[in-house]
Amino acid sequence: MLFLKLFRESFLFAFDALRQNKLRTMLSLLGVTIGIFTIIAVFSAVDTLRNNLQESVNKLGNNSIYIGKWPWAVGNNDYPWWKYMQRPEPSLREFDQLQKRVTDADGISYEINIDSRIIKYKSNTVSGATINAVSQDHNKVWNFDLEEGRYFTDIESRTGAPVAVIGYDIAQDLFPGGTAAGKQIKVMGREITIIGVFTKEGDDMLGNSDDKSVLVPINFAKNVIDVQSDNYQPTIVVRGKKGISSEQLESELHQLMRSIRRLHPNEDDSFALNQTTILSNGLDQLFGVMDIGGAIIGGFSILVGGFGIANIMFVSVKERTNIIGIQKSLGAKNYFILLQFLIESITLCFIGGLIGLGVVFLGTLALKAAADVKIVLDMSNIIWGVGMSVSIGIISGIIPAYSASRLNPVEAIRSN
């Protein structure tokens, strides 16, 4: 109880000192506010970018493996592209062989991406639409929802029926206020029937979105173009069964692909098995560097604010030397004087930190309203900012507070 009483009195002394020196208090707060704002804003920006990119990566599937010509790499300066260029693209024959022989897969899909095309319906046109030709299991290896209609049937996929599932934006542009399912549009010079519309997704950081895409069966596209051409970057996507680890699935696919391509034991792989963990690990490394950079930038800002607080506290001790002498002559203990100035320093930094966090929060609201961006301001960053403010207050105030507590009461009263 005695300690709490002393703490309360010390806080009141400190608050009164801050209230009486409003301009000095405001200038002291400014340094800490800028420091906390800088470091929390940087961390929040990095977390926002990391979160949005990770959401984009998660769309690719956590238990899916992409068999292709090129291995994925993030930030690799020694990427031997000339070596991978000689590799063959995955073929439909290899896809058929994998379908027959793989045991750990829940779904396997052969997919190509065709360049942007113009989609027409009567007098309405949409440019920049991406056409994706896929096999039947596309709905098993990718996660998507339909606004209306349905997905391909097995018969439609095997026979290459002229049907399509289109993106939400395309449906809105071609059929404003109307139903798209059942209508016929012209794609790649052929009339096809719309059987479904994707739910609106919006663009993500990697550009993955079905809003402006047209999905057609691979056997339909095979009658129009060479689906195994390098121009369309054929990929075989395999999703593992529940309970099957990605490592186990990758091991099986690695053995099967080597067997299908009849590679000798001493020959290098002529294919790449890519997982989303490759992108995730690369992003972790990238953002780890950004976090260090943000900590350095914020650290310098906090350091400047801390020096400002320490300077103000030395001035405060100098101005109140007479009062300190009177307090000590009336029986005030050294720890009471030390606590009084230390609380003043901590209070300054704490208030400055709260203002800095408030500015960051208002900034996130403004960005959300202006750009419809999902901003991440984690509680961990808020706690870290408040903790940093208190720590700076202790570090900046401990020496001035200690020097004040060690003053001789007689000499302190005589000082001017």
Protein backbone atom coordinates (compact mmCIF):
# COMPACT_ATOMS: atom_id res chain seq x y z
CA MET A 1 0.00 0.00 0.00
CA LEU A 2 2.83 2.37 0.84
CA PHE A 3 4.43 1.71 -2.55
CA LEU A 4 1.14 2.34 -4.36
CA LYS A 5 0.68 5.58 -2.46
CA LEU A 6 4.18 6.73 -3.36
CA PHE A 7 3.58 5.69 -6.97
CA ARG A 8 0.36 7.73 -7.07
CA GLU A 9 2.03 10.81 -5.60
CA SER A 10 4.95 10.47 -8.00
CA PHE A 11 2.55 10.22 -10.93
CA LEU A 12 0.69 13.35 -9.79
CA PHE A 13 3.98 15.26 -9.48
CA ALA A 14 5.01 14.12 -12.94
CA PHE A 15 1.63 14.92 -14.51
CA ASP A 16 1.63 18.39 -12.93
CA ALA A 17 5.11 19.05 -14.31
CA LEU A 18 4.02 17.99 -17.78
CA ARG A 19 0.89 20.14 -17.57
CA GLN A 20 2.79 23.25 -16.52
CA ASN A 21 5.26 22.96 -19.42
CA LYS A 22 2.88 22.36 -22.31
CA LEU A 23 5.18 23.51 -25.14
CA ARG A 24 8.14 21.52 -23.88
CA THR A 25 5.91 18.50 -23.34
CA MET A 26 4.52 18.78 -26.87
CA LEU A 27 8.00 19.00 -28.41
CA SER A 28 9.15 16.05 -26.34
CA LEU A 29 6.14 14.01 -27.44
CA LEU A 30 6.80 14.85 -31.08
CA GLY A 31 10.11 13.00 -31.19
CA VAL A 32 8.70 9.84 -29.63
CA THR A 33 5.52 10.04 -31.71
CA ILE A 34 7.50 10.22 -34.95
CA GLY A 35 9.70 7.33 -33.85
CA ILE A 36 6.83 5.02 -32.86
CA PHE A 37 4.83 6.04 -35.94
CA THR A 38 7.77 5.25 -38.22
CA ILE A 39 8.56 1.83 -36.82
CA ILE A 40 4.92 0.66 -36.46
CA ALA A 41 4.02 2.00 -39.91
CA VAL A 42 6.93 0.13 -41.47
CA PHE A 43 6.05 -3.11 -39.67
CA SER A 44 2.39 -2.70 -40.58
CA ALA A 45 3.25 -2.10 -44.24
CA VAL A 46 5.47 -5.19 -44.31
CA ASP A 47 2.80 -7.30 -42.57
CA THR A 48 0.16 -6.04 -45.00
CA LEU A 49 2.26 -6.91 -48.01
CA ARG A 50 3.17 -10.30 -46.52
CA ASN A 51 -0.46 -11.10 -45.68
CA ASN A 52 -1.80 -10.15 -49.12
CA LEU A 53 0.93 -12.10 -50.91
CA GLN A 54 0.41 -15.12 -48.65
CA GLU A 55 -3.31 -15.08 -49.40
CA SER A 56 -2.45 -15.10 -53.09
CA VAL A 57 -0.09 -18.04 -52.57
CA ASN A 58 -2.72 -19.92 -50.55
CA LYS A 59 -5.07 -19.80 -53.53
CA LEU A 60 -2.64 -22.11 -55.31
CA GLY A 61 -3.31 -24.83 -52.73
CA ASN A 62 -1.35 -26.02 -49.72
CA ASN A 63 -1.26 -29.65 -50.83
CA SER A 64 -0.93 -29.19 -54.58
CA ILE A 65 2.12 -29.86 -56.72
CA TYR A 66 2.66 -28.18 -60.09
CA ILE A 67 4.52 -30.23 -62.69
CA GLY A 68 6.06 -28.03 -65.33
CA LYS A 69 9.13 -27.07 -67.24
CA TRP A 70 10.36 -24.22 -65.04
CA PRO A 71 11.11 -24.47 -61.30
CA TRP A 72 9.77 -21.64 -59.21
CA ALA A 73 12.29 -19.34 -57.57
CA VAL A 74 12.04 -16.19 -55.45
CA GLY A 75 14.98 -13.79 -55.36
CA ASN A 76 17.41 -16.31 -56.91
CA ASN A 77 20.16 -14.49 -58.84
CA ASP A 78 21.78 -17.75 -60.00
CA TYR A 79 18.73 -19.09 -61.82
CA PRO A 80 20.06 -21.27 -64.72
CA TRP A 81 17.26 -20.49 -67.19
CA TRP A 82 19.32 -21.71 -70.16
CA LYS A 83 19.31 -25.21 -68.64
CA TYR A 84 15.58 -25.33 -68.05
CA MET A 85 14.79 -23.92 -71.48
CA GLN A 86 15.82 -27.23 -73.07
CA ARG A 87 13.28 -29.21 -71.07
CA PRO A 88 10.10 -30.48 -72.77
CA GLU A 89 6.70 -29.24 -71.66
CA PRO A 90 4.36 -31.69 -69.90
CA SER A 91 2.36 -33.57 -72.53
CA LEU A 92 -1.14 -35.01 -72.64
CA ARG A 93 0.39 -38.49 -72.86
CA GLU A 94 2.26 -37.91 -69.61
CA PHE A 95 -0.91 -36.56 -68.05
CA ASP A 96 -2.82 -39.70 -69.05
CA GLN A 97 -0.04 -41.91 -67.68
CA LEU A 98 -0.03 -40.07 -64.37
CA GLN A 99 -3.81 -40.36 -64.10
CA LYS A 100 -3.55 -44.12 -64.46
CA ARG A 101 -0.58 -44.67 -62.15
CA VAL A 102 -0.68 -42.12 -59.34
CA THR A 103 -2.16 -43.42 -56.06
CA ASP A 104 -1.77 -40.55 -53.57
CA ALA A 105 -3.65 -37.93 -55.61
CA ASP A 106 -7.19 -36.71 -54.99
CA GLY A 107 -7.24 -34.82 -58.30
CA ILE A 108 -4.99 -34.27 -61.31
CA SER A 109 -5.56 -31.63 -63.97
CA TYR A 110 -3.85 -30.66 -67.24
CA GLU A 111 -4.05 -26.89 -67.70
CA ILE A 112 -2.94 -24.23 -70.15
CA ASN A 113 -3.18 -20.45 -70.14
CA ILE A 114 -4.07 -18.78 -73.43
CA ASP A 115 -3.21 -15.16 -74.16
CA SER A 116 -5.79 -12.44 -73.61
CA ARG A 117 -8.61 -12.53 -76.12
CA ILE A 118 -11.69 -10.53 -77.05
CA ILE A 119 -15.02 -12.07 -75.99
CA LYS A 120 -18.16 -11.12 -77.91
CA TYR A 121 -21.88 -11.36 -77.28
CA LYS A 122 -24.00 -9.58 -79.89
CA SER A 123 -22.89 -5.94 -79.76
CA ASN A 124 -21.08 -6.24 -76.42
CA THR A 125 -17.37 -7.04 -76.27
CA VAL A 126 -14.84 -7.61 -73.50
CA SER A 127 -11.12 -7.29 -74.15
CA GLY A 128 -8.29 -8.70 -72.08
CA ALA A 129 -10.09 -11.90 -71.10
CA THR A 130 -7.81 -14.80 -70.15
CA ILE A 131 -8.79 -18.20 -71.50
CA ASN A 132 -7.87 -21.23 -69.41
CA ALA A 133 -8.30 -24.72 -70.84
CA VAL A 134 -8.42 -27.42 -68.17
CA SER A 135 -9.24 -31.08 -67.68
CA GLN A 136 -12.07 -32.44 -65.55
CA ASP A 137 -10.32 -32.39 -62.15
CA HIS A 138 -9.70 -28.64 -62.22
CA ASN A 139 -12.40 -28.20 -59.59
CA LYS A 140 -10.53 -30.63 -57.31
CA VAL A 141 -7.11 -28.96 -57.49
CA TRP A 142 -8.34 -25.35 -57.30
CA ASN A 143 -10.70 -23.70 -54.84
CA PHE A 144 -13.43 -21.55 -56.39
CA ASP A 145 -17.12 -20.73 -55.98
CA LEU A 146 -19.80 -20.18 -58.60
CA GLU A 147 -22.18 -17.22 -58.60
CA GLU A 148 -24.56 -19.07 -60.88
CA GLY A 149 -24.68 -22.21 -62.97
CA ARG A 150 -22.43 -25.25 -62.64
CA TYR A 151 -19.06 -26.77 -63.51
CA PHE A 152 -18.30 -29.12 -66.42
CA THR A 153 -19.64 -32.65 -66.35
CA ASP A 154 -17.35 -35.58 -67.01
CA ILE A 155 -18.97 -36.16 -70.41
CA GLU A 156 -18.53 -32.50 -71.42
CA SER A 157 -14.85 -32.66 -70.50
CA ARG A 158 -14.16 -35.95 -72.32
CA THR A 159 -16.03 -34.99 -75.49
CA GLY A 160 -14.70 -31.43 -75.59
CA ALA A 161 -18.15 -29.86 -75.52
CA PRO A 162 -18.31 -26.15 -76.43
CA VAL A 163 -19.13 -24.95 -72.91
CA ALA A 164 -17.50 -22.44 -70.57
CA VAL A 165 -17.49 -21.01 -67.08
CA ILE A 166 -16.81 -17.27 -67.23
CA GLY A 167 -15.59 -14.68 -64.74
CA TYR A 168 -17.85 -12.32 -62.84
CA ASP A 169 -16.55 -9.16 -64.54
CA ILE A 170 -17.04 -10.66 -68.00
CA ALA A 171 -20.61 -11.64 -67.13
CA GLN A 172 -21.35 -8.13 -65.86
CA ASP A 173 -19.93 -6.49 -69.00
CA LEU A 174 -21.60 -8.82 -71.50
CA PHE A 175 -24.90 -9.28 -69.69
CA PRO A 176 -25.50 -6.21 -67.52
CA GLY A 177 -28.41 -6.91 -65.18
CA GLY A 178 -29.13 -10.27 -66.82
CA THR A 179 -28.37 -13.96 -66.45
CA ALA A 180 -25.29 -15.31 -68.24
CA ALA A 181 -25.98 -19.06 -67.94
CA GLY A 182 -27.37 -20.49 -71.14
CA LYS A 183 -26.13 -17.65 -73.37
CA GLN A 184 -23.71 -18.23 -76.23
CA ILE A 185 -20.51 -16.22 -76.70
CA LYS A 186 -17.76 -16.34 -79.29
CA VAL A 187 -14.37 -17.56 -78.05
CA MET A 188 -11.38 -18.38 -80.27
CA GLY A 189 -13.68 -18.13 -83.29
CA ARG A 190 -16.12 -20.73 -81.91
CA GLU A 191 -19.57 -20.41 -80.41
CA ILE A 192 -19.67 -21.77 -76.86
CA THR A 193 -22.43 -21.97 -74.26
CA ILE A 194 -22.00 -20.45 -70.81
CA ILE A 195 -22.87 -22.94 -68.08
CA GLY A 196 -21.55 -21.06 -65.04
CA VAL A 197 -20.20 -17.79 -63.62
CA PHE A 198 -17.43 -17.50 -61.03
CA THR A 199 -18.08 -15.60 -57.81
CA LYS A 200 -16.33 -12.22 -57.78
CA GLU A 201 -12.87 -12.48 -56.23
CA GLY A 202 -11.04 -9.23 -56.91
CA ASP A 203 -7.38 -8.93 -57.87
CA ASP A 204 -4.72 -10.24 -55.54
CA MET A 205 -1.01 -9.48 -55.23
CA LEU A 206 0.00 -12.22 -57.70
CA GLY A 207 -2.69 -11.39 -60.21
CA ASN A 208 -4.64 -14.59 -59.52
CA SER A 209 -8.29 -13.91 -60.20
CA ASP A 210 -11.07 -15.57 -62.14
CA ASP A 211 -13.00 -12.32 -62.60
CA LYS A 212 -11.83 -11.90 -66.21
CA SER A 213 -11.20 -15.51 -67.13
CA VAL A 214 -12.99 -17.99 -69.39
CA LEU A 215 -12.68 -21.66 -68.44
CA VAL A 216 -13.13 -24.24 -71.22
CA PRO A 217 -12.49 -28.01 -71.41
CA ILE A 218 -9.00 -28.95 -72.56
CA ASN A 219 -10.45 -31.29 -75.19
CA PHE A 220 -12.41 -28.39 -76.69
CA ALA A 221 -9.27 -26.25 -76.90
CA LYS A 222 -7.36 -29.20 -78.41
CA ASN A 223 -9.57 -28.97 -81.49
CA VAL A 224 -8.69 -25.31 -81.99
CA ILE A 225 -5.06 -24.87 -80.93
CA ASP A 226 -1.97 -26.92 -80.05
CA VAL A 227 -2.48 -27.21 -76.30
CA GLN A 228 1.01 -28.69 -75.82
CA SER A 229 2.76 -25.65 -77.30
CA ASP A 230 5.36 -23.79 -75.22
CA ASN A 231 3.35 -20.61 -75.81
CA TYR A 232 0.61 -21.80 -73.46
CA GLN A 233 2.87 -23.05 -70.64
CA PRO A 234 1.16 -26.42 -70.03
CA THR A 235 1.09 -27.49 -66.39
CA ILE A 236 -0.06 -30.62 -64.63
CA VAL A 237 -1.55 -29.81 -61.22
CA VAL A 238 -1.84 -32.60 -58.67
CA ARG A 239 -3.56 -32.33 -55.29
CA GLY A 240 -2.87 -34.98 -52.68
CA LYS A 241 -5.43 -36.95 -50.75
CA LYS A 242 -6.29 -36.02 -47.19
CA GLY A 243 -3.69 -37.41 -44.83
CA ILE A 244 -1.05 -37.54 -47.56
CA SER A 245 1.84 -35.15 -46.94
CA SER A 246 3.15 -33.00 -49.76
CA GLU A 247 6.54 -34.69 -49.38
CA GLN A 248 5.00 -38.13 -49.90
CA LEU A 249 3.05 -36.94 -52.93
CA GLU A 250 6.11 -35.24 -54.38
CA SER A 251 8.18 -38.41 -53.94
CA GLU A 252 5.61 -40.49 -55.82
CA LEU A 253 5.29 -37.95 -58.64
CA HIS A 254 9.07 -37.68 -58.94
CA GLN A 255 9.42 -41.43 -59.43
CA LEU A 256 6.50 -41.61 -61.86
CA MET A 257 7.71 -38.70 -64.01
CA ARG A 258 11.19 -40.18 -64.27
CA SER A 259 9.67 -43.51 -65.22
CA ILE A 260 7.28 -41.98 -67.77
CA ARG A 261 10.09 -39.99 -69.40
CA ARG A 262 12.40 -43.01 -69.19
CA LEU A 263 15.25 -41.14 -67.54
CA HIS A 264 18.34 -43.13 -66.64
CA PRO A 265 19.53 -43.09 -63.01
CA ASN A 266 22.46 -40.80 -63.88
CA GLU A 267 20.31 -38.34 -65.85
CA ASP A 268 19.05 -35.10 -64.32
CA ASP A 269 15.34 -34.44 -63.99
CA SER A 270 13.80 -32.94 -67.11
CA PHE A 271 10.83 -31.52 -65.18
CA ALA A 272 10.11 -29.39 -62.13
CA LEU A 273 7.87 -30.21 -59.18
CA ASN A 274 6.76 -26.94 -57.61
CA GLN A 275 4.93 -26.37 -54.33
CA THR A 276 3.53 -23.24 -52.73
CA THR A 277 6.03 -23.72 -49.90
CA ILE A 278 8.73 -22.59 -52.34
CA LEU A 279 6.98 -19.23 -52.67
CA SER A 280 6.19 -19.06 -48.96
CA ASN A 281 9.81 -19.70 -47.96
CA GLY A 282 11.02 -17.15 -50.47
CA LEU A 283 8.55 -14.58 -49.12
CA ASP A 284 9.66 -15.31 -45.55
CA GLN A 285 13.27 -14.60 -46.49
CA LEU A 286 12.32 -11.44 -48.36
CA PHE A 287 10.17 -10.07 -45.57
CA GLY A 288 12.75 -11.06 -42.98
CA VAL A 289 15.16 -8.64 -44.66
CA MET A 290 12.42 -5.99 -44.84
CA ASP A 291 11.68 -6.44 -41.12
CA ILE A 292 15.34 -5.88 -40.29
CA GLY A 293 15.38 -2.77 -42.48
CA GLY A 294 12.22 -1.48 -40.81
CA ALA A 295 13.65 -2.13 -37.36
CA ILE A 296 16.81 -0.19 -38.25
CA ILE A 297 14.85 2.77 -39.63
CA GLY A 298 12.48 2.79 -36.67
CA GLY A 299 15.35 2.25 -34.25
CA PHE A 300 17.11 5.41 -35.39
CA SER A 301 13.85 7.35 -35.10
CA ILE A 302 13.26 6.01 -31.58
CA LEU A 303 16.88 6.79 -30.67
CA VAL A 304 16.44 10.44 -31.69
CA GLY A 305 13.23 10.64 -29.67
CA GLY A 306 14.96 9.03 -26.68
CA PHE A 307 17.78 11.59 -26.76
CA GLY A 308 15.17 14.33 -26.85
CA ILE A 309 13.39 12.92 -23.79
CA ALA A 310 16.68 12.54 -21.90
CA ASN A 311 17.61 16.14 -22.68
CA ILE A 312 14.23 17.41 -21.53
CA MET A 313 14.48 15.40 -18.32
CA PHE A 314 17.91 16.90 -17.50
CA VAL A 315 16.43 20.37 -18.03
CA SER A 316 13.47 19.42 -15.82
CA VAL A 317 15.80 18.28 -13.04
CA LYS A 318 17.77 21.52 -13.30
CA GLU A 319 14.62 23.66 -13.10
CA ARG A 320 13.24 21.80 -10.09
CA THR A 321 16.44 21.50 -8.06
CA ASN A 322 15.04 23.80 -5.32
CA ILE A 323 11.84 21.74 -5.11
CA ILE A 324 13.89 18.54 -4.88
CA GLY A 325 15.90 20.04 -1.99
CA ILE A 326 12.71 21.02 -0.14
CA GLN A 327 11.18 17.56 -0.67
CA LYS A 328 14.30 15.83 0.63
CA SER A 329 14.54 18.18 3.65
CA LEU A 330 10.94 17.23 4.51
CA GLY A 331 11.89 13.55 4.50
CA ALA A 332 11.42 12.42 0.88
CA LYS A 333 13.51 9.35 0.17
CA ASN A 334 15.88 9.02 -2.77
CA TYR A 335 13.69 6.38 -4.43
CA PHE A 336 10.69 8.75 -4.24
CA ILE A 337 12.60 11.45 -6.13
CA LEU A 338 13.91 8.88 -8.63
CA LEU A 339 10.42 7.45 -9.13
CA GLN A 340 8.96 10.91 -9.62
CA PHE A 341 11.22 11.78 -12.56
CA LEU A 342 11.23 8.28 -13.99
CA ILE A 343 7.42 8.24 -14.13
CA GLU A 344 7.50 11.62 -15.84
CA SER A 345 9.82 10.23 -18.53
CA ILE A 346 7.77 7.05 -18.96
CA THR A 347 4.54 9.05 -19.14
CA LEU A 348 5.99 11.28 -21.85
CA CYS A 349 7.08 8.32 -23.95
CA PHE A 350 3.89 6.38 -23.32
CA ILE A 351 1.69 9.27 -24.46
CA GLY A 352 3.94 9.83 -27.48
CA GLY A 353 3.68 6.14 -28.36
CA LEU A 354 -0.11 6.20 -28.09
CA ILE A 355 -0.27 9.23 -30.38
CA GLY A 356 2.01 7.50 -32.88
CA LEU A 357 -0.17 4.38 -32.83
CA GLY A 358 -3.26 6.55 -33.22
CA VAL A 359 -1.79 8.20 -36.32
CA VAL A 360 -0.97 4.77 -37.79
CA PHE A 361 -4.51 3.57 -37.08
CA LEU A 362 -6.05 6.62 -38.74
CA GLY A 363 -3.72 6.08 -41.69
CA THR A 364 -4.92 2.49 -42.08
CA LEU A 365 -8.55 3.65 -42.07
CA ALA A 366 -7.78 6.27 -44.71
CA LEU A 367 -6.02 3.73 -46.96
CA LYS A 368 -8.86 1.24 -46.61
CA ALA A 369 -11.38 3.91 -47.58
CA ALA A 370 -9.32 5.32 -50.47
CA ALA A 371 -7.85 2.18 -52.06
CA ASP A 372 -9.92 -0.69 -50.63
CA VAL A 373 -6.71 -2.32 -49.40
CA LYS A 374 -6.71 -4.81 -46.55
CA ILE A 375 -4.31 -3.26 -44.03
CA VAL A 376 -2.81 -5.42 -41.29
CA LEU A 377 -2.26 -3.78 -37.89
CA ASP A 378 -1.60 -6.72 -35.59
CA MET A 379 -2.08 -6.54 -31.84
CA SER A 380 1.51 -7.76 -31.55
CA ASN A 381 2.69 -4.58 -33.29
CA ILE A 382 0.55 -2.44 -30.98
CA ILE A 383 1.89 -4.19 -27.87
CA TRP A 384 5.41 -3.95 -29.27
CA GLY A 385 4.97 -0.20 -29.88
CA VAL A 386 3.66 0.45 -26.37
CA GLY A 387 6.40 -1.70 -24.87
CA MET A 388 9.02 0.14 -26.87
CA SER A 389 7.63 3.49 -25.68
CA VAL A 390 7.83 2.45 -22.02
CA SER A 391 11.32 1.03 -22.52
CA ILE A 392 12.56 4.25 -24.11
CA GLY A 393 10.99 6.18 -21.22
CA ILE A 394 12.90 4.08 -18.68
CA ILE A 395 16.20 4.26 -20.57
CA SER A 396 15.92 8.00 -21.25
CA GLY A 397 14.80 8.92 -17.75
CA ILE A 398 16.86 6.67 -15.51
CA ILE A 399 20.06 8.76 -15.54
CA PRO A 400 18.36 12.17 -14.99
CA ALA A 401 16.14 10.59 -12.31
CA TYR A 402 19.12 9.00 -10.57
CA SER A 403 21.07 12.27 -10.61
CA ALA A 404 18.04 14.06 -9.11
CA SER A 405 17.71 11.46 -6.35
CA ARG A 406 21.38 11.87 -5.35
CA LEU A 407 21.23 15.66 -4.89
CA ASN A 408 22.29 17.04 -1.52
CA PRO A 409 19.19 18.73 0.00
CA VAL A 410 21.11 21.72 1.41
CA GLU A 411 22.96 22.44 -1.84
CA ALA A 412 19.78 21.86 -3.82
CA ILE A 413 17.81 24.46 -1.76
CA ARG A 414 20.63 27.03 -2.17
CA SER A 415 20.80 26.58 -5.96
CA ASN A 416 19.21 29.16 -8.22
